[in-house]
């Protein structure tokens, strides 16, 4: 096993190829985790990766401590750490559950980087806690400040978040944005530099009719593949696809061994932000846990 640590806790059904390197003071990896070929983890303190997570090929993970929650998914060539990632006691990364990062993104932790639950980053996104290169003694700018992102946030491709920025929860950002100021919760923002386009926009409460219409439209993919639209129950909160029940009220399925048609439907929903889980729901970190991890 390519792991060097004082303490190691590995869950069941963990896949770590021989081309992976993991070095940390302590390593905790949950059940059903896959780490891609060529990934390097070099953490000075504690490294934790929650269950049902996938780190893509050729990822790098560095810093004083790194904690990634459950159901994380990163694509190839994602860098967690970056320049200055060992330069300060606060060079730490704390990421909540259901995190996604597209290929080529950089999550710098020269200072603390905290990310909530259900946060997605598109390809080539940069989260920067350090900015500067030229000699500060000659008056050139230099910045080392933490970045904090709330829960339920989407930052699409080629966007950059600069040091010292706080983004609230339930925020959607336009593609290619440069975020150099705080963004309030619930807003739609975009531009270079980013500006708030609409406030108090998210989340929105849809009627049961609207929800039902959406689910029925998604079932068209199954009807196209099988020739039959799956049955629904209740107010259309549950859908049965090839013997697998999808409960839209809990975002749970009743089986983990999904057949190809059911897996297609789950992926179809996932592409629209509706992520079904086959295991128990994730447990949200409590404030005391966050404080302890960052201390």
Foldseek 3Di string as FASTA:
>chain_A
DQEAEPEEAEEAPEADDPQEHAYENYEAEYAQEYEEHNEYEHEDHYEYYEYLEYHEHNEYAYAPYEYEYEQEYEYPAEYEAPPLRHVDLQSYEAYYYNEYEYHPEYHHRNHYEYYEEAEYEAYHEYEDQWDDDDDVVVPDDIGHAYEYEYEQEYAYELEYEYHPEYEYYCEYEDYNEYDDYYHYHQFYWYDDPIDTPDHNPPDDDDDLVVVQVVVQVLQVVVCVVPVDRFDADDSRQWTARPNWIQGNVVLEIQDDPDDPSRVVSQVSVVVVVRHHDHDDDDDGDDPVNVVVSSD
